[in-house]
């Protein structure tokens, strides 16, 4: 084990064939942020600030842009930096590796949340008697295969998910024909403190930017990729904002507070002469949108132990997949799934709050080091 820990101090060596172009950061950022959350994010925001939730959403989007800038500021000192290297430099080998492993467990928990929530959607809307054990096994085998292909394979899945996800989300435009346009008129009824309360549930829609800490070394010309990362976050904000406004047009404020997945209810209105119950098709195709969520988070979760202990990533991947399989199958009740979502979301907000702290510590660290060298 000692040899493995020492190995993580070495420079991260990544072949160019394993790297991706800067433009693909747009897809990695956006694909990670848009998953099962967009099916019902409006409910959690409206419960806090009502129809003024769009303001909280914009504030959260701006905060995410700042957090992205901070992440690049932390990593840009060296193109080979990742979360393991940063923590080791800041906190030393043992504390740094411990904090990095907490990130690994968080990414694993994020994978579990996305996967189990999607299975819950399938159970509720399509197959109430679904055999979770078998479906989960097939799901995890697919994820294992994709993650084994490396970051380039996952990036390809992310590109496909964006191409598929955008048309599906735009199909929410059907309810506009019968919606109430008056509900979209700006009418601020809450004070600043109330709007800030809505920022926390809004931030949950943007979880995933923190994975940049792991795949940063795999980016060609990493420093120049920031504009694409920022564009990806902005596009996510735009998608969520449009989706929220359409939901406001169709649902009353009280209805949104009790509807679990507004997007699925709006899909029921989609009408094609050759197709009935479009929501079934939407949920099935949405698997391709959820896949990069699971794959990228699980890849990040397994990459960190590889860097720390210098063991093959496939062994960590196999162990984590077993944990995911058992955990998913043991979560049988909706209340347990909701509890998992609450825990993961709360930890995710803490992780986003930790990034500005890490940025400040980085400034202090380099200032002290420069003064010492003088």
Protein backbone atom coordinates (compact mmCIF):
# COMPACT_ATOMS: atom_id res chain seq x y z
CA UNK A 1 0.00 0.00 0.00
CA UNK A 2 2.86 2.36 0.84
CA UNK A 3 4.32 1.88 -2.64
CA UNK A 4 0.91 2.68 -4.15
CA UNK A 5 0.59 5.90 -2.18
CA UNK A 6 4.07 6.97 -3.17
CA UNK A 7 3.26 6.37 -6.80
CA UNK A 8 0.48 8.97 -6.69
CA UNK A 9 3.11 11.65 -6.12
CA UNK A 10 4.43 11.17 -9.62
CA UNK A 11 3.38 13.26 -12.55
CA UNK A 12 0.19 12.11 -14.23
CA UNK A 13 1.21 10.65 -17.58
CA UNK A 14 -1.58 10.43 -20.13
CA UNK A 15 -1.10 9.54 -23.78
CA UNK A 16 -2.52 11.92 -26.35
CA UNK A 17 -4.66 9.13 -27.78
CA UNK A 18 -6.54 9.01 -24.46
CA UNK A 19 -7.25 12.74 -24.42
CA UNK A 20 -10.21 14.71 -25.79
CA UNK A 21 -10.36 18.06 -27.56
CA UNK A 22 -11.36 21.18 -25.57
CA UNK A 23 -14.70 21.52 -27.39
CA UNK A 24 -15.93 18.26 -25.86
CA UNK A 25 -15.89 19.83 -22.40
CA UNK A 26 -19.15 21.47 -23.47
CA UNK A 27 -20.75 18.04 -23.80
CA UNK A 28 -19.17 16.63 -20.63
CA UNK A 29 -20.41 19.56 -18.53
CA UNK A 30 -23.90 19.71 -20.03
CA UNK A 31 -24.48 15.94 -20.19
CA UNK A 32 -23.51 15.55 -16.53
CA UNK A 33 -25.87 18.32 -15.40
CA UNK A 34 -28.94 17.21 -17.34
CA UNK A 35 -30.18 13.80 -16.22
CA UNK A 36 -33.06 12.58 -14.08
CA UNK A 37 -33.05 15.92 -12.24
CA UNK A 38 -34.67 17.83 -15.08
CA UNK A 39 -37.70 15.55 -14.90
CA UNK A 40 -38.79 17.15 -11.63
CA UNK A 41 -36.50 20.00 -10.57
CA UNK A 42 -39.29 22.62 -10.75
CA UNK A 43 -41.12 21.10 -7.78
CA UNK A 44 -38.28 21.59 -5.30
CA UNK A 45 -37.64 25.19 -6.35
CA UNK A 46 -41.31 26.23 -6.39
CA UNK A 47 -41.78 24.80 -2.90
CA UNK A 48 -39.30 27.43 -1.70
CA UNK A 49 -40.06 30.54 -3.78
CA UNK A 50 -43.10 29.80 -5.93
CA UNK A 51 -43.17 31.22 -9.44
CA UNK A 52 -40.16 33.41 -8.56
CA UNK A 53 -38.06 30.27 -8.86
CA UNK A 54 -36.70 31.43 -12.21
CA UNK A 55 -34.78 34.16 -10.37
CA UNK A 56 -33.21 31.65 -7.97
CA UNK A 57 -32.35 29.46 -10.96
CA UNK A 58 -30.51 32.32 -12.69
CA UNK A 59 -28.63 33.17 -9.48
CA UNK A 60 -27.57 29.52 -9.18
CA UNK A 61 -26.44 29.50 -12.80
CA UNK A 62 -24.26 32.56 -12.20
CA UNK A 63 -22.76 30.94 -9.09
CA UNK A 64 -21.91 27.84 -11.12
CA UNK A 65 -20.09 30.00 -13.68
CA UNK A 66 -18.02 31.47 -10.84
CA UNK A 67 -17.34 28.00 -9.41
CA UNK A 68 -16.20 26.80 -12.84
CA UNK A 69 -13.80 29.74 -13.05
CA UNK A 70 -12.45 28.84 -9.60
CA UNK A 71 -11.92 25.21 -10.63
CA UNK A 72 -9.89 26.29 -13.64
CA UNK A 73 -7.99 28.77 -11.49
CA UNK A 74 -7.04 25.92 -9.14
CA UNK A 75 -6.06 23.50 -11.91
CA UNK A 76 -4.45 25.79 -14.48
CA UNK A 77 -1.06 25.94 -12.73
CA UNK A 78 -0.25 22.57 -14.24
CA UNK A 79 -2.00 20.77 -17.09
CA UNK A 80 -1.43 17.49 -15.22
CA UNK A 81 -3.29 18.63 -12.10
CA UNK A 82 -6.26 16.72 -10.78
CA UNK A 83 -8.10 16.56 -7.46
CA UNK A 84 -5.57 14.11 -5.99
CA UNK A 85 -2.59 16.31 -6.84
CA UNK A 86 -4.30 19.46 -5.58
CA UNK A 87 -5.27 17.91 -2.24
CA UNK A 88 -1.82 16.40 -1.74
CA UNK A 89 -0.14 19.77 -2.30
CA UNK A 90 -2.57 21.58 -0.01
CA UNK A 91 -2.99 19.14 2.88
CA UNK A 92 -0.12 16.71 2.61
CA UNK A 93 -0.12 13.10 1.52
CA UNK A 94 -2.37 11.43 4.10
CA UNK A 95 -4.97 14.11 4.76
CA UNK A 96 -5.00 15.00 1.07
CA UNK A 97 -5.61 11.42 0.02
CA UNK A 98 -8.32 11.05 2.65
CA UNK A 99 -10.18 14.10 1.31
CA UNK A 100 -9.76 12.82 -2.25
CA UNK A 101 -11.29 9.48 -1.25
CA UNK A 102 -14.28 11.37 0.14
CA UNK A 103 -14.73 12.80 -3.37
CA UNK A 104 -14.55 9.26 -4.77
CA UNK A 105 -17.30 8.08 -2.42
CA UNK A 106 -19.39 11.13 -3.29
CA UNK A 107 -19.14 10.33 -7.02
CA UNK A 108 -20.12 6.74 -6.26
CA UNK A 109 -23.13 7.97 -4.30
CA UNK A 110 -24.04 10.27 -7.19
CA UNK A 111 -23.98 7.29 -9.55
CA UNK A 112 -26.24 5.33 -7.23
CA UNK A 113 -28.71 8.21 -6.95
CA UNK A 114 -29.05 8.71 -10.71
CA UNK A 115 -29.33 5.01 -11.46
CA UNK A 116 -31.85 4.22 -8.72
CA UNK A 117 -33.98 7.29 -9.50
CA UNK A 118 -34.21 6.34 -13.18
CA UNK A 119 -35.22 2.80 -12.23
CA UNK A 120 -37.89 4.29 -9.96
CA UNK A 121 -39.26 6.32 -12.89
CA UNK A 122 -39.43 3.16 -15.02
CA UNK A 123 -41.20 1.32 -12.21
CA UNK A 124 -43.79 4.02 -11.57
CA UNK A 125 -44.59 4.92 -15.19
CA UNK A 126 -44.02 1.80 -17.28
CA UNK A 127 -43.42 -1.47 -15.40
CA UNK A 128 -44.83 -1.46 -11.85
CA UNK A 129 -43.85 -5.12 -11.42
CA UNK A 130 -40.32 -4.60 -12.74
CA UNK A 131 -37.74 -7.11 -11.52
CA UNK A 132 -35.20 -4.70 -10.04
CA UNK A 133 -32.50 -7.35 -9.63
CA UNK A 134 -32.44 -8.25 -13.32
CA UNK A 135 -32.91 -4.72 -14.68
CA UNK A 136 -30.16 -3.38 -12.41
CA UNK A 137 -27.80 -6.16 -13.51
CA UNK A 138 -28.29 -5.29 -17.19
CA UNK A 139 -27.94 -1.56 -16.41
CA UNK A 140 -24.69 -2.03 -14.48
CA UNK A 141 -23.19 -4.35 -17.09
CA UNK A 142 -23.82 -1.66 -19.71
CA UNK A 143 -22.25 1.00 -17.50
CA UNK A 144 -19.27 -1.27 -16.75
CA UNK A 145 -18.68 -1.80 -20.47
CA UNK A 146 -18.80 1.92 -21.25
CA UNK A 147 -16.63 3.00 -18.31
CA UNK A 148 -14.07 0.32 -19.23
CA UNK A 149 -13.71 2.09 -22.58
CA UNK A 150 -12.24 5.13 -20.86
CA UNK A 151 -12.95 8.84 -20.95
CA UNK A 152 -13.11 9.02 -24.77
CA UNK A 153 -15.90 6.44 -24.88
CA UNK A 154 -17.77 8.29 -22.14
CA UNK A 155 -17.32 11.55 -24.04
CA UNK A 156 -18.87 9.94 -27.11
CA UNK A 157 -21.88 8.86 -25.04
CA UNK A 158 -22.12 12.40 -23.68
CA UNK A 159 -22.29 13.82 -27.21
CA UNK A 160 -25.03 11.35 -28.15
CA UNK A 161 -26.99 12.14 -24.98
CA UNK A 162 -26.97 15.87 -25.72
CA UNK A 163 -28.16 15.26 -29.28
CA UNK A 164 -30.99 13.02 -28.03
CA UNK A 165 -31.86 15.00 -24.92
CA UNK A 166 -32.42 18.40 -26.52
CA UNK A 167 -35.26 17.27 -28.87
CA UNK A 168 -36.93 15.38 -26.02
CA UNK A 169 -36.88 18.44 -23.79
CA UNK A 170 -38.12 20.67 -26.60
CA UNK A 171 -41.17 18.42 -26.95
CA UNK A 172 -42.41 20.12 -23.80
CA UNK A 173 -43.39 22.90 -26.21
CA UNK A 174 -46.65 21.03 -26.94
CA UNK A 175 -48.33 22.21 -23.70
CA UNK A 176 -47.61 25.83 -24.67
CA UNK A 177 -50.61 25.67 -27.01
CA UNK A 178 -52.95 25.24 -24.03
CA UNK A 179 -50.81 27.00 -21.44
CA UNK A 180 -51.37 30.30 -19.65
CA UNK A 181 -48.88 32.88 -20.94
CA UNK A 182 -49.81 35.25 -18.10
CA UNK A 183 -48.15 32.88 -15.62
CA UNK A 184 -44.77 33.61 -17.23
CA UNK A 185 -44.95 37.38 -16.70
CA UNK A 186 -42.27 38.55 -14.25
CA UNK A 187 -43.90 39.24 -10.90
CA UNK A 188 -41.48 39.23 -7.98
CA UNK A 189 -43.44 38.38 -4.84
CA UNK A 190 -40.57 37.27 -2.60
CA UNK A 191 -37.83 39.24 -0.90
CA UNK A 192 -34.11 38.66 -1.38
CA UNK A 193 -33.78 36.28 1.58
CA UNK A 194 -36.57 34.09 0.21
CA UNK A 195 -35.00 34.04 -3.25
CA UNK A 196 -31.70 32.94 -1.72
CA UNK A 197 -33.52 30.05 -0.04
CA UNK A 198 -34.42 28.89 -3.53
CA UNK A 199 -30.77 28.90 -4.59
CA UNK A 200 -29.96 25.64 -2.78
CA UNK A 201 -32.52 23.45 -4.62
CA UNK A 202 -31.61 25.30 -7.83
CA UNK A 203 -27.92 24.44 -7.40
CA UNK A 204 -28.83 20.76 -7.39
CA UNK A 205 -29.62 21.11 -11.10
CA UNK A 206 -25.99 22.00 -11.80
CA UNK A 207 -24.22 19.22 -9.89
CA UNK A 208 -21.52 17.58 -11.97
CA UNK A 209 -19.11 20.45 -12.66
CA UNK A 210 -16.93 19.12 -9.82
CA UNK A 211 -16.00 16.12 -11.99
CA UNK A 212 -13.81 18.53 -13.96
CA UNK A 213 -11.33 18.05 -11.10
CA UNK A 214 -10.87 14.45 -12.27
CA UNK A 215 -10.92 14.58 -16.07
CA UNK A 216 -8.99 17.87 -16.42
CA UNK A 217 -5.67 16.08 -17.25
CA UNK A 218 -7.44 14.30 -20.13
CA UNK A 219 -8.18 17.57 -21.93
CA UNK A 220 -5.96 18.69 -24.78
CA UNK A 221 -4.92 22.31 -24.24
CA UNK A 222 -6.83 22.19 -20.97
CA UNK A 223 -6.53 25.91 -20.22
CA UNK A 224 -8.26 26.87 -23.45
CA UNK A 225 -11.20 24.59 -22.66
CA UNK A 226 -12.69 26.93 -20.06
CA UNK A 227 -14.80 28.83 -22.60
CA UNK A 228 -16.43 25.55 -23.65
CA UNK A 229 -17.05 24.57 -20.03
CA UNK A 230 -18.67 27.93 -19.35
CA UNK A 231 -20.75 27.59 -22.51
CA UNK A 232 -21.87 24.14 -21.39
CA UNK A 233 -22.99 25.50 -18.01
CA UNK A 234 -24.78 28.41 -19.71
CA UNK A 235 -26.56 26.04 -22.09
CA UNK A 236 -27.68 23.98 -19.09
CA UNK A 237 -29.08 27.11 -17.46
CA UNK A 238 -30.92 27.97 -20.68
CA UNK A 239 -32.44 24.48 -20.94
CA UNK A 240 -33.59 24.51 -17.32
CA UNK A 241 -34.98 28.02 -17.63
CA UNK A 242 -37.03 27.19 -20.75
CA UNK A 243 -38.25 23.96 -19.15
CA UNK A 244 -39.30 25.82 -16.00
CA UNK A 245 -41.17 28.55 -17.90
CA UNK A 246 -43.12 25.95 -19.91
CA UNK A 247 -44.06 24.17 -16.68
CA UNK A 248 -45.24 27.49 -15.22
CA UNK A 249 -47.49 27.98 -18.25
CA UNK A 250 -49.23 24.65 -17.79
CA UNK A 251 -49.25 23.99 -14.04
CA UNK A 252 -50.48 26.27 -11.29
CA UNK A 253 -48.11 27.05 -8.45
CA UNK A 254 -49.90 24.63 -6.12
CA UNK A 255 -49.93 21.86 -8.74
CA UNK A 256 -46.18 22.01 -9.30
CA UNK A 257 -45.60 21.61 -5.56
CA UNK A 258 -47.25 18.18 -5.57
CA UNK A 259 -46.38 16.84 -9.03
CA UNK A 260 -43.35 14.55 -8.71
CA UNK A 261 -42.11 14.68 -12.31
CA UNK A 262 -43.67 17.62 -14.22
CA UNK A 263 -41.76 16.83 -17.41
CA UNK A 264 -43.31 13.36 -17.63
CA UNK A 265 -46.79 14.80 -17.12
CA UNK A 266 -46.16 17.30 -19.91
CA UNK A 267 -44.98 14.51 -22.21
CA UNK A 268 -48.44 12.95 -21.84
CA UNK A 269 -49.75 15.91 -23.85
CA UNK A 270 -47.41 15.23 -26.78
CA UNK A 271 -49.62 14.02 -29.60
CA UNK A 272 -48.48 12.25 -32.74
CA UNK A 273 -51.02 10.57 -35.07
CA UNK A 274 -48.83 7.48 -35.32
CA UNK A 275 -47.95 7.19 -31.62
CA UNK A 276 -49.83 6.93 -28.34
CA UNK A 277 -48.45 7.37 -24.83
CA UNK A 278 -45.33 9.26 -25.91
CA UNK A 279 -44.13 9.40 -22.29
CA UNK A 280 -43.29 5.69 -22.53
CA UNK A 281 -41.02 6.39 -25.50
CA UNK A 282 -39.56 9.43 -23.76
CA UNK A 283 -38.66 7.49 -20.62
CA UNK A 284 -37.08 4.67 -22.63
CA UNK A 285 -35.02 7.04 -24.78
CA UNK A 286 -34.09 9.08 -21.68
CA UNK A 287 -31.82 6.17 -20.74
CA UNK A 288 -29.29 7.59 -23.22
CA UNK A 289 -29.43 10.90 -21.35
CA UNK A 290 -28.92 9.22 -17.98
CA UNK A 291 -26.04 6.99 -19.12
CA UNK A 292 -23.32 9.69 -19.21
CA UNK A 293 -24.40 10.77 -15.71
CA UNK A 294 -23.72 7.30 -14.37
CA UNK A 295 -20.66 6.60 -16.52
CA UNK A 296 -18.80 9.84 -15.88
CA UNK A 297 -19.53 9.84 -12.14
CA UNK A 298 -18.48 6.19 -11.80
CA UNK A 299 -15.37 6.79 -13.91
CA UNK A 300 -14.44 9.67 -11.58
CA UNK A 301 -15.12 7.52 -8.52
CA UNK A 302 -12.78 4.78 -9.79
CA UNK A 303 -10.11 7.09 -11.18
CA UNK A 304 -9.31 8.60 -7.76
CA UNK A 305 -8.41 5.29 -6.01
CA UNK A 306 -6.30 4.39 -9.03
CA UNK A 307 -4.33 7.63 -8.61
CA UNK A 308 -3.94 7.22 -4.86
CA UNK A 309 -3.17 3.51 -4.53
CA UNK A 310 -1.76 2.85 -8.02
CA UNK A 311 -4.04 -0.10 -8.67
CA UNK A 312 -5.70 -0.93 -11.97
CA UNK A 313 -8.90 1.01 -12.48
CA UNK A 314 -10.77 -2.08 -13.71
CA UNK A 315 -10.45 -3.70 -10.28
CA UNK A 316 -11.89 -0.66 -8.53
CA UNK A 317 -14.61 -0.50 -11.19
CA UNK A 318 -15.61 -4.12 -10.58
CA UNK A 319 -15.76 -3.57 -6.81
CA UNK A 320 -17.78 -0.36 -7.13
CA UNK A 321 -20.20 -1.99 -9.59
CA UNK A 322 -20.84 -4.74 -7.04
CA UNK A 323 -21.54 -2.10 -4.39
CA UNK A 324 -23.90 -0.30 -6.77
CA UNK A 325 -25.75 -3.49 -7.63
CA UNK A 326 -26.35 -4.51 -4.03
CA UNK A 327 -27.24 -0.97 -2.93
CA UNK A 328 -29.69 -0.44 -5.78
CA UNK A 329 -31.48 -3.72 -5.15
CA UNK A 330 -31.76 -3.05 -1.41
CA UNK A 331 -33.52 0.28 -1.99
CA UNK A 332 -37.01 -1.06 -2.57
CA UNK A 333 -39.32 1.68 -1.30
CA UNK A 334 -39.96 5.13 -2.76
CA UNK A 335 -39.32 6.73 0.63
CA UNK A 336 -35.86 5.12 0.68
CA UNK A 337 -35.10 6.46 -2.81
CA UNK A 338 -36.24 9.94 -1.78
CA UNK A 339 -34.03 9.73 1.32
CA UNK A 340 -31.08 8.77 -0.89
CA UNK A 341 -31.80 11.77 -3.14
CA UNK A 342 -31.95 14.11 -0.14
CA UNK A 343 -28.64 12.88 1.26
CA UNK A 344 -26.85 13.00 -2.10
CA UNK A 345 -28.19 16.45 -2.93
CA UNK A 346 -27.15 17.84 0.44
CA UNK A 347 -23.64 16.43 0.07
CA UNK A 348 -23.50 17.79 -3.50
CA UNK A 349 -24.26 21.31 -2.27
CA UNK A 350 -21.53 20.95 0.37
CA UNK A 351 -19.08 19.89 -2.34
CA UNK A 352 -19.92 22.98 -4.41
CA UNK A 353 -19.49 25.14 -1.29
CA UNK A 354 -16.12 23.48 -0.64
CA UNK A 355 -14.72 24.59 -4.01
CA UNK A 356 -14.54 28.34 -3.12
CA UNK A 357 -12.87 27.35 0.17
CA UNK A 358 -10.32 25.28 -1.74
CA UNK A 359 -9.75 28.22 -4.09
CA UNK A 360 -9.02 30.56 -1.16
CA UNK A 361 -6.69 27.98 0.42
CA UNK A 362 -4.90 27.69 -2.91
CA UNK A 363 -4.30 31.45 -3.03
CA UNK A 364 -2.98 31.42 0.53
CA UNK A 365 -0.81 28.36 -0.18
CA UNK A 366 0.91 29.87 -3.21
CA UNK A 367 1.33 33.25 -1.54
CA UNK A 368 3.02 31.67 1.48
CA UNK A 369 5.18 29.48 -0.75
CA UNK A 370 6.27 32.43 -2.88
CA UNK A 371 7.15 34.46 0.21
CA UNK A 372 9.12 31.51 1.59
CA UNK A 373 11.07 31.08 -1.68
CA UNK A 374 12.03 34.74 -1.63
